[in-house]
Amino acid sequence: MGVLSIILQVLLGLGFLMFGFMKFGSKQMVDEFGRYGYPGGFRIFTGLVEVIAAVLVISGIWNDKLAAWGGLFIVGTMIGAIFTHIKVKDPVNKMMMPIVLLILGLIVLFINFGSLL
């Protein structure tokens, strides 16, 4: 595994830990999920998925299969985030972070995809 891949996985992992934990109690996240029309339980579920993805991606530094699964979780979560922003008719600038994270998740997934086969 290259240095660039390790840096990417650490940054993604730390970012998703932060985003995931924010979903558990941040007033901003409570308000946003309310605006999206999602129940509080879905906010908690999303936070758990993001924390799990973060742990998998960081653990993937030592185990390619875990990195691939973490990348897959990130890709799925970000596709859901993008569709949510489209659903509530948010402007494109609100979708930029999920789009960037989707691309980075895809990179991690593709780098480590062979370990899933």
PDB file of N, CA and C in Angstrom:
ATOM      1  N   MET A   1       0.861  -1.176   0.000  1.00  0.00           N
ATOM      2  CA  MET A   1       0.000   0.000   0.000  1.00  0.00           C
ATOM      3  C   MET A   1       0.900   1.230   0.000  1.00  0.00           C
ATOM      4  N   GLY A   2       0.541   2.201  -0.812  1.00  0.00           N
ATOM      5  CA  GLY A   2       1.347   3.399  -0.928  1.00  0.00           C
ATOM      6  C   GLY A   2       1.064   4.421   0.160  1.00  0.00           C
ATOM      7  N   VAL A   3       1.974   5.354   0.289  1.00  0.00           N
ATOM      8  CA  VAL A   3       1.853   6.417   1.289  1.00  0.00           C
ATOM      9  C   VAL A   3       0.605   7.256   1.026  1.00  0.00           C
ATOM     10  N   LEU A   4       0.318   7.528  -0.247  1.00  0.00           N
ATOM     11  CA  LEU A   4      -0.863   8.318  -0.591  1.00  0.00           C
ATOM     12  C   LEU A   4      -2.141   7.631  -0.114  1.00  0.00           C
ATOM     13  N   SER A   5      -2.211   6.319  -0.285  1.00  0.00           N
ATOM     14  CA  SER A   5      -3.380   5.554   0.158  1.00  0.00           C
ATOM     15  C   SER A   5      -3.531   5.621   1.674  1.00  0.00           C
ATOM     16  N   ILE A   6      -2.422   5.507   2.392  1.00  0.00           N
ATOM     17  CA  ILE A   6      -2.477   5.569   3.855  1.00  0.00           C
ATOM     18  C   ILE A   6      -2.955   6.940   4.311  1.00  0.00           C
ATOM     19  N   ILE A   7      -2.423   7.997   3.701  1.00  0.00           N
ATOM     20  CA  ILE A   7      -2.835   9.363   4.063  1.00  0.00           C
ATOM     21  C   ILE A   7      -4.322   9.548   3.785  1.00  0.00           C
ATOM     22  N   LEU A   8      -4.769   9.083   2.632  1.00  0.00           N
ATOM     23  CA  LEU A   8      -6.184   9.188   2.271  1.00  0.00           C
ATOM     24  C   LEU A   8      -7.064   8.448   3.274  1.00  0.00           C
ATOM     25  N   GLN A   9      -6.666   7.239   3.655  1.00  0.00           N
ATOM     26  CA  GLN A   9      -7.461   6.457   4.600  1.00  0.00           C
ATOM     27  C   GLN A   9      -7.497   7.111   5.982  1.00  0.00           C
ATOM     28  N   VAL A  10      -6.382   7.656   6.419  1.00  0.00           N
ATOM     29  CA  VAL A  10      -6.372   8.332   7.724  1.00  0.00           C
ATOM     30  C   VAL A  10      -7.273   9.559   7.691  1.00  0.00           C
ATOM     31  N   LEU A  11      -7.165  10.371   6.634  1.00  0.00           N
ATOM     32  CA  LEU A  11      -7.998  11.574   6.542  1.00  0.00           C
ATOM     33  C   LEU A  11      -9.488  11.230   6.456  1.00  0.00           C
ATOM     34  N   LEU A  12      -9.811  10.252   5.623  1.00  0.00           N
ATOM     35  CA  LEU A  12     -11.213   9.815   5.521  1.00  0.00           C
ATOM     36  C   LEU A  12     -11.703   9.266   6.853  1.00  0.00           C
ATOM     37  N   GLY A  13     -10.872   8.448   7.480  1.00  0.00           N
ATOM     38  CA  GLY A  13     -11.259   7.846   8.753  1.00  0.00           C
ATOM     39  C   GLY A  13     -11.510   8.903   9.820  1.00  0.00           C
ATOM     40  N   LEU A  14     -10.600   9.847   9.964  1.00  0.00           N
ATOM     41  CA  LEU A  14     -10.776  10.897  10.977  1.00  0.00           C
ATOM     42  C   LEU A  14     -11.990  11.766  10.660  1.00  0.00           C
ATOM     43  N   GLY A  15     -12.167  12.087   9.373  1.00  0.00           N
ATOM     44  CA  GLY A  15     -13.338  12.877   8.978  1.00  0.00           C
ATOM     45  C   GLY A  15     -14.642  12.165   9.283  1.00  0.00           C
ATOM     46  N   PHE A  16     -14.697  10.880   8.967  1.00  0.00           N
ATOM     47  CA  PHE A  16     -15.930  10.139   9.217  1.00  0.00           C
ATOM     48  C   PHE A  16     -16.166   9.881  10.696  1.00  0.00           C
ATOM     49  N   LEU A  17     -15.106   9.776  11.484  1.00  0.00           N
ATOM     50  CA  LEU A  17     -15.307   9.708  12.934  1.00  0.00           C
ATOM     51  C   LEU A  17     -15.966  10.992  13.422  1.00  0.00           C
ATOM     52  N   MET A  18     -15.456  12.127  12.970  1.00  0.00           N
ATOM     53  CA  MET A  18     -16.015  13.411  13.374  1.00  0.00           C
ATOM     54  C   MET A  18     -17.476  13.546  12.905  1.00  0.00           C
ATOM     55  N   PHE A  19     -17.717  13.275  11.616  1.00  0.00           N
ATOM     56  CA  PHE A  19     -19.083  13.401  11.083  1.00  0.00           C
ATOM     57  C   PHE A  19     -20.034  12.432  11.774  1.00  0.00           C
ATOM     58  N   GLY A  20     -19.571  11.214  12.017  1.00  0.00           N
ATOM     59  CA  GLY A  20     -20.414  10.208  12.660  1.00  0.00           C
ATOM     60  C   GLY A  20     -20.792  10.608  14.072  1.00  0.00           C
ATOM     61  N   PHE A  21     -19.793  11.036  14.860  1.00  0.00           N
ATOM     62  CA  PHE A  21     -20.084  11.427  16.245  1.00  0.00           C
ATOM     63  C   PHE A  21     -20.959  12.673  16.309  1.00  0.00           C
ATOM     64  N   MET A  22     -20.833  13.560  15.329  1.00  0.00           N
ATOM     65  CA  MET A  22     -21.706  14.749  15.284  1.00  0.00           C
ATOM     66  C   MET A  22     -23.175  14.349  15.162  1.00  0.00           C
ATOM     67  N   LYS A  23     -23.430  13.260  14.458  1.00  0.00           N
ATOM     68  CA  LYS A  23     -24.816  12.834  14.238  1.00  0.00           C
ATOM     69  C   LYS A  23     -25.489  12.379  15.537  1.00  0.00           C
ATOM     70  N   PHE A  24     -24.695  12.032  16.541  1.00  0.00           N
ATOM     71  CA  PHE A  24     -25.277  11.540  17.790  1.00  0.00           C
ATOM     72  C   PHE A  24     -25.875  12.643  18.644  1.00  0.00           C
ATOM     73  N   GLY A  25     -25.468  13.884  18.481  1.00  0.00           N
ATOM     74  CA  GLY A  25     -26.032  14.876  19.384  1.00  0.00           C
ATOM     75  C   GLY A  25     -25.905  16.321  18.967  1.00  0.00           C
ATOM     76  N   SER A  26     -25.280  16.583  17.834  1.00  0.00           N
ATOM     77  CA  SER A  26     -25.107  17.960  17.378  1.00  0.00           C
ATOM     78  C   SER A  26     -26.464  18.572  17.035  1.00  0.00           C
ATOM     79  N   LYS A  27     -26.734  19.741  17.574  1.00  0.00           N
ATOM     80  CA  LYS A  27     -28.001  20.441  17.295  1.00  0.00           C
ATOM     81  C   LYS A  27     -28.149  20.659  15.791  1.00  0.00           C
ATOM     82  N   GLN A  28     -27.047  20.989  15.140  1.00  0.00           N
ATOM     83  CA  GLN A  28     -27.076  21.215  13.696  1.00  0.00           C
ATOM     84  C   GLN A  28     -27.539  19.956  12.961  1.00  0.00           C
ATOM     85  N   MET A  29     -27.043  18.784  13.359  1.00  0.00           N
ATOM     86  CA  MET A  29     -27.428  17.533  12.701  1.00  0.00           C
ATOM     87  C   MET A  29     -28.882  17.176  13.004  1.00  0.00           C
ATOM     88  N   VAL A  30     -29.305  17.421  14.234  1.00  0.00           N
ATOM     89  CA  VAL A  30     -30.711  17.170  14.599  1.00  0.00           C
ATOM     90  C   VAL A  30     -31.613  18.010  13.701  1.00  0.00           C
ATOM     91  N   ASP A  31     -31.268  19.294  13.556  1.00  0.00           N
ATOM     92  CA  ASP A  31     -32.065  20.194  12.716  1.00  0.00           C
ATOM     93  C   ASP A  31     -32.036  19.781  11.248  1.00  0.00           C
ATOM     94  N   GLU A  32     -30.846  19.412  10.746  1.00  0.00           N
ATOM     95  CA  GLU A  32     -30.724  19.030   9.336  1.00  0.00           C
ATOM     96  C   GLU A  32     -31.534  17.768   9.022  1.00  0.00           C
ATOM     97  N   PHE A  33     -31.440  16.758   9.868  1.00  0.00           N
ATOM     98  CA  PHE A  33     -32.190  15.524   9.607  1.00  0.00           C
ATOM     99  C   PHE A  33     -33.689  15.781   9.707  1.00  0.00           C
ATOM    100  N   GLY A  34     -34.101  16.715  10.580  1.00  0.00           N
ATOM    101  CA  GLY A  34     -35.502  17.125  10.634  1.00  0.00           C
ATOM    102  C   GLY A  34     -35.915  17.791   9.333  1.00  0.00           C
ATOM    103  N   ARG A  35     -35.045  18.649   8.805  1.00  0.00           N
ATOM    104  CA  ARG A  35     -35.322  19.330   7.537  1.00  0.00           C
ATOM    105  C   ARG A  35     -35.407  18.328   6.386  1.00  0.00           C
ATOM    106  N   TYR A  36     -34.616  17.274   6.465  1.00  0.00           N
ATOM    107  CA  TYR A  36     -34.653  16.241   5.427  1.00  0.00           C
ATOM    108  C   TYR A  36     -35.897  15.367   5.529  1.00  0.00           C
ATOM    109  N   GLY A  37     -36.584  15.430   6.670  1.00  0.00           N
ATOM    110  CA  GLY A  37     -37.771  14.609   6.865  1.00  0.00           C
ATOM    111  C   GLY A  37     -37.465  13.220   7.401  1.00  0.00           C
ATOM    112  N   TYR A  38     -36.276  13.038   7.966  1.00  0.00           N
ATOM    113  CA  TYR A  38     -35.881  11.746   8.503  1.00  0.00           C
ATOM    114  C   TYR A  38     -36.081  11.710  10.014  1.00  0.00           C
ATOM    115  N   PRO A  39     -36.450  10.554  10.553  1.00  0.00           N
ATOM    116  CA  PRO A  39     -36.613  10.435  12.007  1.00  0.00           C
ATOM    117  C   PRO A  39     -35.257  10.432  12.719  1.00  0.00           C
ATOM    118  N   GLY A  40     -35.284  10.725  14.017  1.00  0.00           N
ATOM    119  CA  GLY A  40     -34.067  10.767  14.812  1.00  0.00           C
ATOM    120  C   GLY A  40     -33.302   9.460  14.797  1.00  0.00           C
ATOM    121  N   GLY A  41     -34.013   8.351  14.747  1.00  0.00           N
ATOM    122  CA  GLY A  41     -33.359   7.047  14.719  1.00  0.00           C
ATOM    123  C   GLY A  41     -32.499   6.862  13.479  1.00  0.00           C
ATOM    124  N   PHE A  42     -32.917   7.445  12.373  1.00  0.00           N
ATOM    125  CA  PHE A  42     -32.127   7.333  11.141  1.00  0.00           C
ATOM    126  C   PHE A  42     -30.849   8.152  11.259  1.00  0.00           C
ATOM    127  N   ARG A  43     -30.902   9.262  11.966  1.00  0.00           N
ATOM    128  CA  ARG A  43     -29.711  10.079  12.215  1.00  0.00           C
ATOM    129  C   ARG A  43     -28.690   9.275  13.018  1.00  0.00           C
ATOM    130  N   ILE A  44     -29.162   8.577  14.052  1.00  0.00           N
ATOM    131  CA  ILE A  44     -28.279   7.746  14.869  1.00  0.00           C
ATOM    132  C   ILE A  44     -27.710   6.595  14.038  1.00  0.00           C
ATOM    133  N   PHE A  45     -28.558   5.949  13.243  1.00  0.00           N
ATOM    134  CA  PHE A  45     -28.114   4.859  12.375  1.00  0.00           C
ATOM    135  C   PHE A  45     -27.029   5.348  11.411  1.00  0.00           C
ATOM    136  N   THR A  46     -27.247   6.506  10.809  1.00  0.00           N
ATOM    137  CA  THR A  46     -26.270   7.075   9.882  1.00  0.00           C
ATOM    138  C   THR A  46     -24.953   7.358  10.599  1.00  0.00           C
ATOM    139  N   GLY A  47     -25.046   7.886  11.810  1.00  0.00           N
ATOM    140  CA  GLY A  47     -23.837   8.135  12.599  1.00  0.00           C
ATOM    141  C   GLY A  47     -23.075   6.852  12.883  1.00  0.00           C
ATOM    142  N   LEU A  48     -23.801   5.804  13.226  1.00  0.00           N
ATOM    143  CA  LEU A  48     -23.154   4.503  13.481  1.00  0.00           C
ATOM    144  C   LEU A  48     -22.463   3.962  12.231  1.00  0.00           C
ATOM    145  N   VAL A  49     -23.142   4.069  11.092  1.00  0.00           N
ATOM    146  CA  VAL A  49     -22.553   3.594   9.834  1.00  0.00           C
ATOM    147  C   VAL A  49     -21.282   4.388   9.531  1.00  0.00           C
ATOM    148  N   GLU A  50     -21.312   5.694   9.770  1.00  0.00           N
ATOM    149  CA  GLU A  50     -20.135   6.516   9.492  1.00  0.00           C
ATOM    150  C   GLU A  50     -18.978   6.179  10.433  1.00  0.00           C
ATOM    151  N   VAL A  51     -19.265   5.927  11.705  1.00  0.00           N
ATOM    152  CA  VAL A  51     -18.207   5.558  12.653  1.00  0.00           C
ATOM    153  C   VAL A  51     -17.625   4.190  12.274  1.00  0.00           C
ATOM    154  N   ILE A  52     -18.489   3.251  11.912  1.00  0.00           N
ATOM    155  CA  ILE A  52     -18.015   1.929  11.488  1.00  0.00           C
ATOM    156  C   ILE A  52     -17.153   2.060  10.233  1.00  0.00           C
ATOM    157  N   ALA A  53     -17.600   2.860   9.267  1.00  0.00           N
ATOM    158  CA  ALA A  53     -16.815   3.075   8.047  1.00  0.00           C
ATOM    159  C   ALA A  53     -15.452   3.663   8.386  1.00  0.00           C
ATOM    160  N   ALA A  54     -15.420   4.607   9.317  1.00  0.00           N
ATOM    161  CA  ALA A  54     -14.154   5.229   9.717  1.00  0.00           C
ATOM    162  C   ALA A  54     -13.208   4.206  10.326  1.00  0.00           C
ATOM    163  N   VAL A  55     -13.727   3.379  11.218  1.00  0.00           N
ATOM    164  CA  VAL A  55     -12.889   2.359  11.865  1.00  0.00           C
ATOM    165  C   VAL A  55     -12.371   1.372  10.820  1.00  0.00           C
ATOM    166  N   LEU A  56     -13.231   0.983   9.887  1.00  0.00           N
ATOM    167  CA  LEU A  56     -12.813   0.050   8.840  1.00  0.00           C
ATOM    168  C   LEU A  56     -11.720   0.653   7.954  1.00  0.00           C
ATOM    169  N   VAL A  57     -11.907   1.900   7.562  1.00  0.00           N
ATOM    170  CA  VAL A  57     -10.934   2.544   6.673  1.00  0.00           C
ATOM    171  C   VAL A  57      -9.587   2.716   7.375  1.00  0.00           C
ATOM    172  N   ILE A  58      -9.618   3.118   8.628  1.00  0.00           N
ATOM    173  CA  ILE A  58      -8.355   3.268   9.367  1.00  0.00           C
ATOM    174  C   ILE A  58      -7.708   1.901   9.594  1.00  0.00           C
ATOM    175  N   SER A  59      -8.509   0.910   9.971  1.00  0.00           N
ATOM    176  CA  SER A  59      -7.976  -0.450  10.156  1.00  0.00           C
ATOM    177  C   SER A  59      -7.458  -1.014   8.840  1.00  0.00           C
ATOM    178  N   GLY A  60      -7.987  -0.496   7.752  1.00  0.00           N
ATOM    179  CA  GLY A  60      -7.579  -0.942   6.431  1.00  0.00           C
ATOM    180  C   GLY A  60      -6.144  -0.619   6.089  1.00  0.00           C
ATOM    181  N   ILE A  61      -5.500   0.208   6.895  1.00  0.00           N
ATOM    182  CA  ILE A  61      -4.071   0.467   6.697  1.00  0.00           C
ATOM    183  C   ILE A  61      -3.303  -0.839   6.848  1.00  0.00           C
ATOM    184  N   TRP A  62      -3.796  -1.717   7.711  1.00  0.00           N
ATOM    185  CA  TRP A  62      -3.146  -3.002   7.966  1.00  0.00           C
ATOM    186  C   TRP A  62      -3.833  -4.179   7.291  1.00  0.00           C
ATOM    187  N   ASN A  63      -5.069  -3.972   6.823  1.00  0.00           N
ATOM    188  CA  ASN A  63      -5.835  -5.066   6.234  1.00  0.00           C
ATOM    189  C   ASN A  63      -6.644  -4.513   5.064  1.00  0.00           C
ATOM    190  N   ASP A  64      -6.230  -4.850   3.849  1.00  0.00           N
ATOM    191  CA  ASP A  64      -6.865  -4.296   2.639  1.00  0.00           C
ATOM    192  C   ASP A  64      -8.364  -4.591   2.562  1.00  0.00           C
ATOM    193  N   LYS A  65      -8.763  -5.747   3.046  1.00  0.00           N
ATOM    194  CA  LYS A  65     -10.178  -6.122   2.985  1.00  0.00           C
ATOM    195  C   LYS A  65     -11.026  -5.150   3.818  1.00  0.00           C
ATOM    196  N   LEU A  66     -10.526  -4.772   4.987  1.00  0.00           N
ATOM    197  CA  LEU A  66     -11.249  -3.811   5.828  1.00  0.00           C
ATOM    198  C   LEU A  66     -11.329  -2.445   5.147  1.00  0.00           C
ATOM    199  N   ALA A  67     -10.249  -2.049   4.481  1.00  0.00           N
ATOM    200  CA  ALA A  67     -10.254  -0.779   3.750  1.00  0.00           C
ATOM    201  C   ALA A  67     -11.308  -0.796   2.651  1.00  0.00           C
ATOM    202  N   ALA A  68     -11.401  -1.914   1.929  1.00  0.00           N
ATOM    203  CA  ALA A  68     -12.393  -2.027   0.854  1.00  0.00           C
ATOM    204  C   ALA A  68     -13.809  -1.939   1.412  1.00  0.00           C
ATOM    205  N   TRP A  69     -14.069  -2.637   2.517  1.00  0.00           N
ATOM    206  CA  TRP A  69     -15.407  -2.564   3.123  1.00  0.00           C
ATOM    207  C   TRP A  69     -15.703  -1.154   3.624  1.00  0.00           C
ATOM    208  N   GLY A  70     -14.718  -0.511   4.230  1.00  0.00           N
ATOM    209  CA  GLY A  70     -14.915   0.866   4.687  1.00  0.00           C
ATOM    210  C   GLY A  70     -15.210   1.796   3.524  1.00  0.00           C
ATOM    211  N   GLY A  71     -14.459   1.628   2.430  1.00  0.00           N
ATOM    212  CA  GLY A  71     -14.719   2.436   1.236  1.00  0.00           C
ATOM    213  C   GLY A  71     -16.125   2.200   0.698  1.00  0.00           C
ATOM    214  N   LEU A  72     -16.567   0.952   0.726  1.00  0.00           N
ATOM    215  CA  LEU A  72     -17.914   0.623   0.263  1.00  0.00           C
ATOM    216  C   LEU A  72     -18.977   1.289   1.140  1.00  0.00           C
ATOM    217  N   PHE A  73     -18.780   1.271   2.445  1.00  0.00           N
ATOM    218  CA  PHE A  73     -19.719   1.945   3.363  1.00  0.00           C
ATOM    219  C   PHE A  73     -19.750   3.448   3.095  1.00  0.00           C
ATOM    220  N   ILE A  74     -18.583   4.027   2.859  1.00  0.00           N
ATOM    221  CA  ILE A  74     -18.513   5.463   2.582  1.00  0.00           C
ATOM    222  C   ILE A  74     -19.236   5.782   1.281  1.00  0.00           C
ATOM    223  N   VAL A  75     -18.995   4.989   0.253  1.00  0.00           N
ATOM    224  CA  VAL A  75     -19.660   5.212  -1.037  1.00  0.00           C
ATOM    225  C   VAL A  75     -21.180   5.140  -0.871  1.00  0.00           C
ATOM    226  N   GLY A  76     -21.665   4.104  -0.203  1.00  0.00           N
ATOM    227  CA  GLY A  76     -23.114   3.972  -0.004  1.00  0.00           C
ATOM    228  C   GLY A  76     -23.710   5.124   0.785  1.00  0.00           C
ATOM    229  N   THR A  77     -23.019   5.535   1.833  1.00  0.00           N
ATOM    230  CA  THR A  77     -23.509   6.633   2.663  1.00  0.00           C
ATOM    231  C   THR A  77     -23.538   7.938   1.878  1.00  0.00           C
ATOM    232  N   MET A  78     -22.513   8.175   1.088  1.00  0.00           N
ATOM    233  CA  MET A  78     -22.453   9.434   0.339  1.00  0.00           C
ATOM    234  C   MET A  78     -23.448   9.456  -0.816  1.00  0.00           C
ATOM    235  N   ILE A  79     -23.730   8.313  -1.415  1.00  0.00           N
ATOM    236  CA  ILE A  79     -24.784   8.268  -2.432  1.00  0.00           C
ATOM    237  C   ILE A  79     -26.117   8.645  -1.779  1.00  0.00           C
ATOM    238  N   GLY A  80     -26.368   8.095  -0.597  1.00  0.00           N
ATOM    239  CA  GLY A  80     -27.585   8.462   0.132  1.00  0.00           C
ATOM    240  C   GLY A  80     -27.628   9.939   0.474  1.00  0.00           C
ATOM    241  N   ALA A  81     -26.490  10.506   0.880  1.00  0.00           N
ATOM    242  CA  ALA A  81     -26.428  11.934   1.219  1.00  0.00           C
ATOM    243  C   ALA A  81     -26.718  12.792  -0.007  1.00  0.00           C
ATOM    244  N   ILE A  82     -26.142  12.425  -1.142  1.00  0.00           N
ATOM    245  CA  ILE A  82     -26.366  13.195  -2.372  1.00  0.00           C
ATOM    246  C   ILE A  82     -27.831  13.136  -2.776  1.00  0.00           C
ATOM    247  N   PHE A  83     -28.430  11.953  -2.732  1.00  0.00           N
ATOM    248  CA  PHE A  83     -29.853  11.832  -3.078  1.00  0.00           C
ATOM    249  C   PHE A  83     -30.730  12.615  -2.099  1.00  0.00           C
ATOM    250  N   THR A  84     -30.326  12.660  -0.837  1.00  0.00           N
ATOM    251  CA  THR A  84     -31.088  13.443   0.142  1.00  0.00           C
ATOM    252  C   THR A  84     -31.041  14.920  -0.215  1.00  0.00           C
ATOM    253  N   HIS A  85     -29.861  15.427  -0.561  1.00  0.00           N
ATOM    254  CA  HIS A  85     -29.748  16.840  -0.946  1.00  0.00           C
ATOM    255  C   HIS A  85     -30.570  17.137  -2.202  1.00  0.00           C
ATOM    256  N   ILE A  86     -30.596  16.195  -3.126  1.00  0.00           N
ATOM    257  CA  ILE A  86     -31.427  16.372  -4.333  1.00  0.00           C
ATOM    258  C   ILE A  86     -32.902  16.379  -3.942  1.00  0.00           C
ATOM    259  N   LYS A  87     -33.292  15.464  -3.045  1.00  0.00           N
ATOM    260  CA  LYS A  87     -34.688  15.344  -2.612  1.00  0.00           C
ATOM    261  C   LYS A  87     -35.217  16.644  -2.001  1.00  0.00           C
ATOM    262  N   VAL A  88     -34.368  17.289  -1.190  1.00  0.00           N
ATOM    263  CA  VAL A  88     -34.826  18.517  -0.518  1.00  0.00           C
ATOM    264  C   VAL A  88     -34.496  19.770  -1.326  1.00  0.00           C
ATOM    265  N   LYS A  89     -34.016  19.541  -2.569  1.00  0.00           N
ATOM    266  CA  LYS A  89     -33.728  20.625  -3.509  1.00  0.00           C
ATOM    267  C   LYS A  89     -32.680  21.611  -2.985  1.00  0.00           C
ATOM    268  N   ASP A  90     -31.649  21.064  -2.355  1.00  0.00           N
ATOM    269  CA  ASP A  90     -30.535  21.891  -1.909  1.00  0.00           C
ATOM    270  C   ASP A  90     -29.733  22.364  -3.117  1.00  0.00           C
ATOM    271  N   PRO A  91     -29.070  23.511  -2.991  1.00  0.00           N
ATOM    272  CA  PRO A  91     -28.189  23.949  -4.081  1.00  0.00           C
ATOM    273  C   PRO A  91     -26.969  23.027  -4.189  1.00  0.00           C
ATOM    274  N   VAL A  92     -26.333  23.052  -5.339  1.00  0.00           N
ATOM    275  CA  VAL A  92     -25.203  22.163  -5.615  1.00  0.00           C
ATOM    276  C   VAL A  92     -24.079  22.362  -4.602  1.00  0.00           C
ATOM    277  N   ASN A  93     -23.863  23.585  -4.126  1.00  0.00           N
ATOM    278  CA  ASN A  93     -22.758  23.806  -3.187  1.00  0.00           C
ATOM    279  C   ASN A  93     -22.933  23.019  -1.895  1.00  0.00           C
ATOM    280  N   LYS A  94     -24.171  22.675  -1.515  1.00  0.00           N
ATOM    281  CA  LYS A  94     -24.391  21.839  -0.328  1.00  0.00           C
ATOM    282  C   LYS A  94     -24.072  20.377  -0.600  1.00  0.00           C
ATOM    283  N   MET A  95     -23.974  20.011  -1.873  1.00  0.00           N
ATOM    284  CA  MET A  95     -23.674  18.632  -2.246  1.00  0.00           C
ATOM    285  C   MET A  95     -22.183  18.410  -2.469  1.00  0.00           C
ATOM    286  N   MET A  96     -21.390  19.451  -2.441  1.00  0.00           N
ATOM    287  CA  MET A  96     -19.979  19.317  -2.798  1.00  0.00           C
ATOM    288  C   MET A  96     -19.209  18.410  -1.834  1.00  0.00           C
ATOM    289  N   MET A  97     -19.424  18.555  -0.539  1.00  0.00           N
ATOM    290  CA  MET A  97     -18.703  17.708   0.417  1.00  0.00           C
ATOM    291  C   MET A  97     -19.066  16.234   0.222  1.00  0.00           C
ATOM    292  N   PRO A  98     -20.360  15.875   0.134  1.00  0.00           N
ATOM    293  CA  PRO A  98     -20.672  14.465  -0.129  1.00  0.00           C
ATOM    294  C   PRO A  98     -20.096  13.960  -1.459  1.00  0.00           C
ATOM    295  N   ILE A  99     -20.039  14.819  -2.477  1.00  0.00           N
ATOM    296  CA  ILE A  99     -19.488  14.404  -3.770  1.00  0.00           C
ATOM    297  C   ILE A  99     -17.986  14.120  -3.633  1.00  0.00           C
ATOM    298  N   VAL A 100     -17.263  15.015  -2.958  1.00  0.00           N
ATOM    299  CA  VAL A 100     -15.824  14.812  -2.749  1.00  0.00           C
ATOM    300  C   VAL A 100     -15.579  13.548  -1.929  1.00  0.00           C
ATOM    301  N   LEU A 101     -16.361  13.357  -0.865  1.00  0.00           N
ATOM    302  CA  LEU A 101     -16.198  12.167  -0.028  1.00  0.00           C
ATOM    303  C   LEU A 101     -16.554  10.894  -0.791  1.00  0.00           C
ATOM    304  N   LEU A 102     -17.546  10.972  -1.678  1.00  0.00           N
ATOM    305  CA  LEU A 102     -17.896   9.831  -2.535  1.00  0.00           C
ATOM    306  C   LEU A 102     -16.703   9.455  -3.415  1.00  0.00           C
ATOM    307  N   ILE A 103     -16.084  10.450  -4.025  1.00  0.00           N
ATOM    308  CA  ILE A 103     -14.938  10.196  -4.899  1.00  0.00           C
ATOM    309  C   ILE A 103     -13.780   9.587  -4.100  1.00  0.00           C
ATOM    310  N   LEU A 104     -13.499  10.146  -2.924  1.00  0.00           N
ATOM    311  CA  LEU A 104     -12.413   9.618  -2.096  1.00  0.00           C
ATOM    312  C   LEU A 104     -12.725   8.189  -1.628  1.00  0.00           C
ATOM    313  N   GLY A 105     -13.978   7.939  -1.277  1.00  0.00           N
ATOM    314  CA  GLY A 105     -14.387   6.583  -0.899  1.00  0.00           C
ATOM    315  C   GLY A 105     -14.233   5.612  -2.048  1.00  0.00           C
ATOM    316  N   LEU A 106     -14.575   6.069  -3.260  1.00  0.00           N
ATOM    317  CA  LEU A 106     -14.399   5.223  -4.449  1.00  0.00           C
ATOM    318  C   LEU A 106     -12.925   4.901  -4.684  1.00  0.00           C
ATOM    319  N   ILE A 107     -12.060   5.884  -4.454  1.00  0.00           N
ATOM    320  CA  ILE A 107     -10.625   5.650  -4.631  1.00  0.00           C
ATOM    321  C   ILE A 107     -10.143   4.574  -3.658  1.00  0.00           C
ATOM    322  N   VAL A 108     -10.537   4.697  -2.384  1.00  0.00           N
ATOM    323  CA  VAL A 108     -10.146   3.686  -1.392  1.00  0.00           C
ATOM    324  C   VAL A 108     -10.700   2.318  -1.783  1.00  0.00           C
ATOM    325  N   LEU A 109     -11.955   2.282  -2.212  1.00  0.00           N
ATOM    326  CA  LEU A 109     -12.569   1.018  -2.623  1.00  0.00           C
ATOM    327  C   LEU A 109     -11.811   0.400  -3.794  1.00  0.00           C
ATOM    328  N   PHE A 110     -11.505   1.192  -4.823  1.00  0.00           N
ATOM    329  CA  PHE A 110     -10.840   0.647  -6.004  1.00  0.00           C
ATOM    330  C   PHE A 110      -9.404   0.216  -5.715  1.00  0.00           C
ATOM    331  N   ILE A 111      -8.701   0.960  -4.871  1.00  0.00           N
ATOM    332  CA  ILE A 111      -7.330   0.580  -4.513  1.00  0.00           C
ATOM    333  C   ILE A 111      -7.322  -0.792  -3.850  1.00  0.00           C
ATOM    334  N   ASN A 112      -8.349  -1.052  -3.051  1.00  0.00           N
ATOM    335  CA  ASN A 112      -8.377  -2.274  -2.240  1.00  0.00           C
ATOM    336  C   ASN A 112      -9.385  -3.307  -2.718  1.00  0.00           C
ATOM    337  N   PHE A 113      -9.994  -3.076  -3.892  1.00  0.00           N
ATOM    338  CA  PHE A 113     -11.078  -3.940  -4.366  1.00  0.00           C
ATOM    339  C   PHE A 113     -10.658  -5.395  -4.544  1.00  0.00           C
ATOM    340  N   GLY A 114      -9.438  -5.625  -4.981  1.00  0.00           N
ATOM    341  CA  GLY A 114      -8.976  -6.987  -5.216  1.00  0.00           C
ATOM    342  C   GLY A 114      -9.044  -7.868  -3.977  1.00  0.00           C
ATOM    343  N   SER A 115      -8.985  -7.259  -2.792  1.00  0.00           N
ATOM    344  CA  SER A 115      -9.027  -8.046  -1.558  1.00  0.00           C
ATOM    345  C   SER A 115     -10.427  -8.589  -1.281  1.00  0.00           C
ATOM    346  N   LEU A 116     -11.448  -8.038  -1.925  1.00  0.00           N
ATOM    347  CA  LEU A 116     -12.818  -8.532  -1.729  1.00  0.00           C
ATOM    348  C   LEU A 116     -13.110  -9.777  -2.559  1.00  0.00           C
ATOM    349  N   LEU A 117     -12.316  -9.992  -3.590  1.00  0.00           N
ATOM    350  CA  LEU A 117     -12.567 -11.104  -4.506  1.00  0.00           C
ATOM    351  C   LEU A 117     -11.973 -12.399  -4.028  1.00  0.00           C
TER     352      LEU A 117
END
